[in-house]
Amino acid sequence: LTPEMSLVGYPPEDLLLRHSFYAKVAE
């Protein structure tokens, strides 16, 4: 069990509004 948002760090704030961010997360 890893923590909340462990892959991206928390809180990522307005990075979450960028579509390119989700593309990198999926990758």
PDB file of all heavy atoms in Angstrom:
ATOM      1  N   LEU A   1       0.844  -1.195   0.000  1.00  0.00           N
ATOM      2  CA  LEU A   1       0.000   0.000   0.000  1.00  0.00           C
ATOM      3  C   LEU A   1       0.877   1.242   0.000  1.00  0.00           C
ATOM      4  O   LEU A   1       1.665   1.456   0.928  1.00  0.00           O
ATOM      5  CB  LEU A   1      -0.912   0.008   1.224  1.00  0.00           C
ATOM      6  CG  LEU A   1      -1.846   1.214   1.385  1.00  0.00           C
ATOM      7  CD1 LEU A   1      -2.823   1.321   0.210  1.00  0.00           C
ATOM      8  CD2 LEU A   1      -2.612   1.135   2.707  1.00  0.00           C
ATOM      9  N   THR A   2       0.753   2.059  -1.041  1.00  0.00           N
ATOM     10  CA  THR A   2       1.480   3.332  -1.107  1.00  0.00           C
ATOM     11  C   THR A   2       0.511   4.475  -0.798  1.00  0.00           C
ATOM     12  O   THR A   2      -0.712   4.304  -0.850  1.00  0.00           O
ATOM     13  CB  THR A   2       2.112   3.550  -2.492  1.00  0.00           C
ATOM     14  OG1 THR A   2       1.082   3.793  -3.458  1.00  0.00           O
ATOM     15  CG2 THR A   2       2.944   2.355  -2.903  1.00  0.00           C
ATOM     16  N   PRO A   3       1.007   5.663  -0.476  1.00  0.00           N
ATOM     17  CA  PRO A   3       0.135   6.768  -0.083  1.00  0.00           C
ATOM     18  C   PRO A   3      -0.646   7.383  -1.246  1.00  0.00           C
ATOM     19  O   PRO A   3      -0.472   7.025  -2.414  1.00  0.00           O
ATOM     20  CB  PRO A   3       1.116   7.794   0.508  1.00  0.00           C
ATOM     21  CG  PRO A   3       2.334   7.013   0.866  1.00  0.00           C
ATOM     22  CD  PRO A   3       2.417   5.945  -0.175  1.00  0.00           C
ATOM     23  N   GLU A   4      -1.487   8.325  -0.914  1.00  0.00           N
ATOM     24  CA  GLU A   4      -2.285   9.071  -1.886  1.00  0.00           C
ATOM     25  C   GLU A   4      -1.373   9.798  -2.878  1.00  0.00           C
ATOM     26  O   GLU A   4      -0.381  10.404  -2.490  1.00  0.00           O
ATOM     27  CB  GLU A   4      -3.151  10.085  -1.140  1.00  0.00           C
ATOM     28  CG  GLU A   4      -4.090  10.899  -2.012  1.00  0.00           C
ATOM     29  CD  GLU A   4      -5.019  11.801  -1.206  1.00  0.00           C
ATOM     30  OE1 GLU A   4      -4.762  11.976   0.011  1.00  0.00           O
ATOM     31  OE2 GLU A   4      -5.983  12.321  -1.770  1.00  0.00           O
ATOM     32  N   MET A   5      -1.704   9.713  -4.156  1.00  0.00           N
ATOM     33  CA  MET A   5      -0.958  10.400  -5.209  1.00  0.00           C
ATOM     34  C   MET A   5       0.542  10.065  -5.169  1.00  0.00           C
ATOM     35  O   MET A   5       1.392  10.888  -5.522  1.00  0.00           O
ATOM     36  CB  MET A   5      -1.147  11.916  -5.114  1.00  0.00           C
ATOM     37  CG  MET A   5      -2.540  12.377  -5.441  1.00  0.00           C
ATOM     38  SD  MET A   5      -2.831  12.367  -7.214  1.00  0.00           S
ATOM     39  CE  MET A   5      -4.572  12.713  -7.271  1.00  0.00           C
ATOM     40  N   SER A   6       0.851   8.844  -4.789  1.00  0.00           N
ATOM     41  CA  SER A   6       2.261   8.470  -4.632  1.00  0.00           C
ATOM     42  C   SER A   6       3.058   8.585  -5.924  1.00  0.00           C
ATOM     43  O   SER A   6       4.261   8.859  -5.896  1.00  0.00           O
ATOM     44  CB  SER A   6       2.385   7.052  -4.073  1.00  0.00           C
ATOM     45  OG  SER A   6       1.661   6.130  -4.875  1.00  0.00           O
ATOM     46  N   LEU A   7       2.406   8.404  -7.059  1.00  0.00           N
ATOM     47  CA  LEU A   7       3.129   8.469  -8.326  1.00  0.00           C
ATOM     48  C   LEU A   7       3.461   9.893  -8.748  1.00  0.00           C
ATOM     49  O   LEU A   7       4.435  10.105  -9.473  1.00  0.00           O
ATOM     50  CB  LEU A   7       2.297   7.783  -9.430  1.00  0.00           C
ATOM     51  CG  LEU A   7       2.930   7.675 -10.814  1.00  0.00           C
ATOM     52  CD1 LEU A   7       4.263   6.923 -10.761  1.00  0.00           C
ATOM     53  CD2 LEU A   7       1.980   7.009 -11.795  1.00  0.00           C
ATOM     54  N   VAL A   8       2.679  10.876  -8.293  1.00  0.00           N
ATOM     55  CA  VAL A   8       2.877  12.255  -8.766  1.00  0.00           C
ATOM     56  C   VAL A   8       3.258  13.225  -7.661  1.00  0.00           C
ATOM     57  O   VAL A   8       3.646  14.358  -7.936  1.00  0.00           O
ATOM     58  CB  VAL A   8       1.615  12.780  -9.481  1.00  0.00           C
ATOM     59  CG1 VAL A   8       1.249  11.885 -10.641  1.00  0.00           C
ATOM     60  CG2 VAL A   8       0.439  12.946  -8.533  1.00  0.00           C
ATOM     61  N   GLY A   9       3.171  12.807  -6.394  1.00  0.00           N
ATOM     62  CA  GLY A   9       3.374  13.732  -5.292  1.00  0.00           C
ATOM     63  C   GLY A   9       2.087  14.470  -4.961  1.00  0.00           C
ATOM     64  O   GLY A   9       1.170  14.555  -5.792  1.00  0.00           O
ATOM     65  N   TYR A  10       2.023  14.992  -3.737  1.00  0.00           N
ATOM     66  CA  TYR A  10       0.772  15.620  -3.297  1.00  0.00           C
ATOM     67  C   TYR A  10       1.057  16.865  -2.475  1.00  0.00           C
ATOM     68  O   TYR A  10       1.971  16.843  -1.662  1.00  0.00           O
ATOM     69  CB  TYR A  10      -0.030  14.622  -2.461  1.00  0.00           C
ATOM     70  CG  TYR A  10      -1.420  15.095  -2.132  1.00  0.00           C
ATOM     71  CD1 TYR A  10      -2.443  15.050  -3.081  1.00  0.00           C
ATOM     72  CD2 TYR A  10      -1.716  15.609  -0.875  1.00  0.00           C
ATOM     73  CE1 TYR A  10      -3.725  15.483  -2.781  1.00  0.00           C
ATOM     74  CE2 TYR A  10      -2.993  16.057  -0.570  1.00  0.00           C
ATOM     75  CZ  TYR A  10      -3.988  15.989  -1.517  1.00  0.00           C
ATOM     76  OH  TYR A  10      -5.254  16.437  -1.227  1.00  0.00           O
ATOM     77  N   PRO A  11       0.281  17.951  -2.704  1.00  0.00           N
ATOM     78  CA  PRO A  11      -0.739  18.134  -3.738  1.00  0.00           C
ATOM     79  C   PRO A  11      -0.134  18.709  -5.024  1.00  0.00           C
ATOM     80  O   PRO A  11       0.658  19.652  -4.966  1.00  0.00           O
ATOM     81  CB  PRO A  11      -1.692  19.146  -3.096  1.00  0.00           C
ATOM     82  CG  PRO A  11      -0.818  19.978  -2.197  1.00  0.00           C
ATOM     83  CD  PRO A  11       0.274  19.066  -1.712  1.00  0.00           C
ATOM     84  N   PRO A  12      -0.529  18.198  -6.185  1.00  0.00           N
ATOM     85  CA  PRO A  12       0.018  18.715  -7.433  1.00  0.00           C
ATOM     86  C   PRO A  12      -0.626  20.012  -7.901  1.00  0.00           C
ATOM     87  O   PRO A  12      -0.191  20.596  -8.898  1.00  0.00           O
ATOM     88  CB  PRO A  12      -0.247  17.587  -8.445  1.00  0.00           C
ATOM     89  CG  PRO A  12      -1.272  16.720  -7.842  1.00  0.00           C
ATOM     90  CD  PRO A  12      -1.325  16.991  -6.374  1.00  0.00           C
ATOM     91  N   GLU A  13      -1.667  20.447  -7.215  1.00  0.00           N
ATOM     92  CA  GLU A  13      -2.328  21.727  -7.473  1.00  0.00           C
ATOM     93  C   GLU A  13      -2.659  21.898  -8.964  1.00  0.00           C
ATOM     94  O   GLU A  13      -3.193  20.985  -9.586  1.00  0.00           O
ATOM     95  CB  GLU A  13      -1.482  22.868  -6.902  1.00  0.00           C
ATOM     96  CG  GLU A  13      -1.313  22.729  -5.392  1.00  0.00           C
ATOM     97  CD  GLU A  13      -0.587  23.888  -4.755  1.00  0.00           C
ATOM     98  OE1 GLU A  13       0.660  23.930  -4.828  1.00  0.00           O
ATOM     99  OE2 GLU A  13      -1.263  24.736  -4.155  1.00  0.00           O
ATOM    100  N   ASP A  14      -2.339  23.038  -9.556  1.00  0.00           N
ATOM    101  CA  ASP A  14      -2.829  23.319 -10.913  1.00  0.00           C
ATOM    102  C   ASP A  14      -2.123  22.525 -12.009  1.00  0.00           C
ATOM    103  O   ASP A  14      -2.511  22.629 -13.186  1.00  0.00           O
ATOM    104  CB  ASP A  14      -2.745  24.821 -11.223  1.00  0.00           C
ATOM    105  CG  ASP A  14      -3.918  25.585 -10.629  1.00  0.00           C
ATOM    106  OD1 ASP A  14      -4.666  24.996  -9.820  1.00  0.00           O
ATOM    107  OD2 ASP A  14      -4.092  26.775 -10.950  1.00  0.00           O
ATOM    108  N   LEU A  15      -1.139  21.705 -11.656  1.00  0.00           N
ATOM    109  CA  LEU A  15      -0.660  20.724 -12.635  1.00  0.00           C
ATOM    110  C   LEU A  15      -1.820  19.835 -13.072  1.00  0.00           C
ATOM    111  O   LEU A  15      -1.840  19.318 -14.194  1.00  0.00           O
ATOM    112  CB  LEU A  15       0.451  19.858 -12.037  1.00  0.00           C
ATOM    113  CG  LEU A  15       1.796  20.529 -11.769  1.00  0.00           C
ATOM    114  CD1 LEU A  15       2.730  19.566 -11.040  1.00  0.00           C
ATOM    115  CD2 LEU A  15       2.437  21.007 -13.067  1.00  0.00           C
ATOM    116  N   LEU A  16      -2.786  19.668 -12.174  1.00  0.00           N
ATOM    117  CA  LEU A  16      -3.932  18.818 -12.461  1.00  0.00           C
ATOM    118  C   LEU A  16      -4.864  19.395 -13.523  1.00  0.00           C
ATOM    119  O   LEU A  16      -5.775  18.712 -13.989  1.00  0.00           O
ATOM    120  CB  LEU A  16      -4.727  18.569 -11.172  1.00  0.00           C
ATOM    121  CG  LEU A  16      -3.999  17.728 -10.114  1.00  0.00           C
ATOM    122  CD1 LEU A  16      -4.678  17.856  -8.765  1.00  0.00           C
ATOM    123  CD2 LEU A  16      -3.930  16.263 -10.547  1.00  0.00           C
ATOM    124  N   LEU A  17      -4.638  20.645 -13.910  1.00  0.00           N
ATOM    125  CA  LEU A  17      -5.461  21.263 -14.945  1.00  0.00           C
ATOM    126  C   LEU A  17      -4.848  21.118 -16.338  1.00  0.00           C
ATOM    127  O   LEU A  17      -5.447  21.553 -17.328  1.00  0.00           O
ATOM    128  CB  LEU A  17      -5.672  22.746 -14.624  1.00  0.00           C
ATOM    129  CG  LEU A  17      -6.324  23.057 -13.267  1.00  0.00           C
ATOM    130  CD1 LEU A  17      -6.452  24.563 -13.076  1.00  0.00           C
ATOM    131  CD2 LEU A  17      -7.677  22.377 -13.135  1.00  0.00           C
ATOM    132  N   ARG A  18      -3.662  20.516 -16.414  1.00  0.00           N
ATOM    133  CA  ARG A  18      -2.953  20.404 -17.679  1.00  0.00           C
ATOM    134  C   ARG A  18      -3.121  18.990 -18.270  1.00  0.00           C
ATOM    135  O   ARG A  18      -2.765  17.994 -17.634  1.00  0.00           O
ATOM    136  CB  ARG A  18      -1.458  20.705 -17.503  1.00  0.00           C
ATOM    137  CG  ARG A  18      -1.184  22.069 -16.869  1.00  0.00           C
ATOM    138  CD  ARG A  18       0.290  22.416 -16.921  1.00  0.00           C
ATOM    139  NE  ARG A  18       0.724  22.682 -18.283  1.00  0.00           N
ATOM    140  CZ  ARG A  18       0.619  23.862 -18.883  1.00  0.00           C
ATOM    141  NH1 ARG A  18       0.063  24.876 -18.254  1.00  0.00           N
ATOM    142  NH2 ARG A  18       1.037  24.026 -20.123  1.00  0.00           N
ATOM    143  N   HIS A  19      -3.610  18.909 -19.495  1.00  0.00           N
ATOM    144  CA  HIS A  19      -3.789  17.611 -20.144  1.00  0.00           C
ATOM    145  C   HIS A  19      -2.452  16.897 -20.331  1.00  0.00           C
ATOM    146  O   HIS A  19      -2.380  15.663 -20.256  1.00  0.00           O
ATOM    147  CB  HIS A  19      -4.494  17.783 -21.499  1.00  0.00           C
ATOM    148  CG  HIS A  19      -5.977  17.959 -21.363  1.00  0.00           C
ATOM    149  ND1 HIS A  19      -6.881  17.029 -21.795  1.00  0.00           N
ATOM    150  CD2 HIS A  19      -6.706  18.962 -20.811  1.00  0.00           C
ATOM    151  CE1 HIS A  19      -8.114  17.434 -21.543  1.00  0.00           C
ATOM    152  NE2 HIS A  19      -8.030  18.619 -20.948  1.00  0.00           N
ATOM    153  N   SER A  20      -1.398  17.654 -20.566  1.00  0.00           N
ATOM    154  CA  SER A  20      -0.082  17.042 -20.757  1.00  0.00           C
ATOM    155  C   SER A  20       0.389  16.312 -19.498  1.00  0.00           C
ATOM    156  O   SER A  20       1.137  15.328 -19.579  1.00  0.00           O
ATOM    157  CB  SER A  20       0.943  18.102 -21.159  1.00  0.00           C
ATOM    158  OG  SER A  20       1.051  19.114 -20.166  1.00  0.00           O
ATOM    159  N   PHE A  21      -0.065  16.775 -18.348  1.00  0.00           N
ATOM    160  CA  PHE A  21       0.294  16.130 -17.084  1.00  0.00           C
ATOM    161  C   PHE A  21      -0.280  14.715 -17.047  1.00  0.00           C
ATOM    162  O   PHE A  21       0.425  13.755 -16.691  1.00  0.00           O
ATOM    163  CB  PHE A  21      -0.223  16.967 -15.921  1.00  0.00           C
ATOM    164  CG  PHE A  21       0.189  16.479 -14.557  1.00  0.00           C
ATOM    165  CD1 PHE A  21       1.522  16.439 -14.182  1.00  0.00           C
ATOM    166  CD2 PHE A  21      -0.765  16.071 -13.636  1.00  0.00           C
ATOM    167  CE1 PHE A  21       1.904  16.007 -12.923  1.00  0.00           C
ATOM    168  CE2 PHE A  21      -0.396  15.638 -12.375  1.00  0.00           C
ATOM    169  CZ  PHE A  21       0.938  15.603 -12.023  1.00  0.00           C
ATOM    170  N   TYR A  22      -1.543  14.572 -17.421  1.00  0.00           N
ATOM    171  CA  TYR A  22      -2.174  13.251 -17.395  1.00  0.00           C
ATOM    172  C   TYR A  22      -1.533  12.309 -18.407  1.00  0.00           C
ATOM    173  O   TYR A  22      -1.423  11.094 -18.161  1.00  0.00           O
ATOM    174  CB  TYR A  22      -3.677  13.378 -17.651  1.00  0.00           C
ATOM    175  CG  TYR A  22      -4.386  14.083 -16.531  1.00  0.00           C
ATOM    176  CD1 TYR A  22      -4.528  15.467 -16.547  1.00  0.00           C
ATOM    177  CD2 TYR A  22      -4.884  13.381 -15.435  1.00  0.00           C
ATOM    178  CE1 TYR A  22      -5.156  16.133 -15.510  1.00  0.00           C
ATOM    179  CE2 TYR A  22      -5.508  14.036 -14.390  1.00  0.00           C
ATOM    180  CZ  TYR A  22      -5.641  15.412 -14.425  1.00  0.00           C
ATOM    181  OH  TYR A  22      -6.248  16.068 -13.385  1.00  0.00           O
ATOM    182  N   ALA A  23      -1.109  12.850 -19.528  1.00  0.00           N
ATOM    183  CA  ALA A  23      -0.438  12.010 -20.522  1.00  0.00           C
ATOM    184  C   ALA A  23       0.854  11.436 -19.948  1.00  0.00           C
ATOM    185  O   ALA A  23       1.149  10.239 -20.125  1.00  0.00           O
ATOM    186  CB  ALA A  23      -0.155  12.830 -21.780  1.00  0.00           C
ATOM    187  N   LYS A  24       1.628  12.274 -19.246  1.00  0.00           N
ATOM    188  CA  LYS A  24       2.871  11.807 -18.632  1.00  0.00           C
ATOM    189  C   LYS A  24       2.591  10.816 -17.502  1.00  0.00           C
ATOM    190  O   LYS A  24       3.327   9.835 -17.319  1.00  0.00           O
ATOM    191  CB  LYS A  24       3.669  12.995 -18.102  1.00  0.00           C
ATOM    192  CG  LYS A  24       4.253  13.893 -19.178  1.00  0.00           C
ATOM    193  CD  LYS A  24       5.382  13.204 -19.939  1.00  0.00           C
ATOM    194  CE  LYS A  24       6.054  14.153 -20.919  1.00  0.00           C
ATOM    195  NZ  LYS A  24       7.132  13.474 -21.677  1.00  0.00           N
ATOM    196  N   VAL A  25       1.534  11.076 -16.722  1.00  0.00           N
ATOM    197  CA  VAL A  25       1.171  10.164 -15.639  1.00  0.00           C
ATOM    198  C   VAL A  25       0.814   8.795 -16.215  1.00  0.00           C
ATOM    199  O   VAL A  25       1.267   7.756 -15.704  1.00  0.00           O
ATOM    200  CB  VAL A  25      -0.006  10.736 -14.819  1.00  0.00           C
ATOM    201  CG1 VAL A  25      -0.523   9.688 -13.824  1.00  0.00           C
ATOM    202  CG2 VAL A  25       0.417  11.991 -14.073  1.00  0.00           C
ATOM    203  N   ALA A  26       0.005   8.777 -17.271  1.00  0.00           N
ATOM    204  CA  ALA A  26      -0.383   7.499 -17.894  1.00  0.00           C
ATOM    205  C   ALA A  26       0.838   6.741 -18.403  1.00  0.00           C
ATOM    206  O   ALA A  26       0.943   5.516 -18.260  1.00  0.00           O
ATOM    207  CB  ALA A  26      -1.372   7.762 -19.031  1.00  0.00           C
ATOM    208  N   GLU A  27       1.764   7.484 -18.972  1.00  0.00           N
ATOM    209  CA  GLU A  27       2.993   6.862 -19.500  1.00  0.00           C
ATOM    210  C   GLU A  27       3.792   6.220 -18.373  1.00  0.00           C
ATOM    211  O   GLU A  27       4.262   5.076 -18.488  1.00  0.00           O
ATOM    212  CB  GLU A  27       3.818   7.945 -20.196  1.00  0.00           C
ATOM    213  CG  GLU A  27       5.165   7.521 -20.695  1.00  0.00           C
ATOM    214  CD  GLU A  27       5.939   8.706 -21.254  1.00  0.00           C
ATOM    215  OE1 GLU A  27       5.518   9.243 -22.303  1.00  0.00           O
ATOM    216  OE2 GLU A  27       6.939   9.107 -20.627  1.00  0.00           O
TER     217      GLU A  27
END
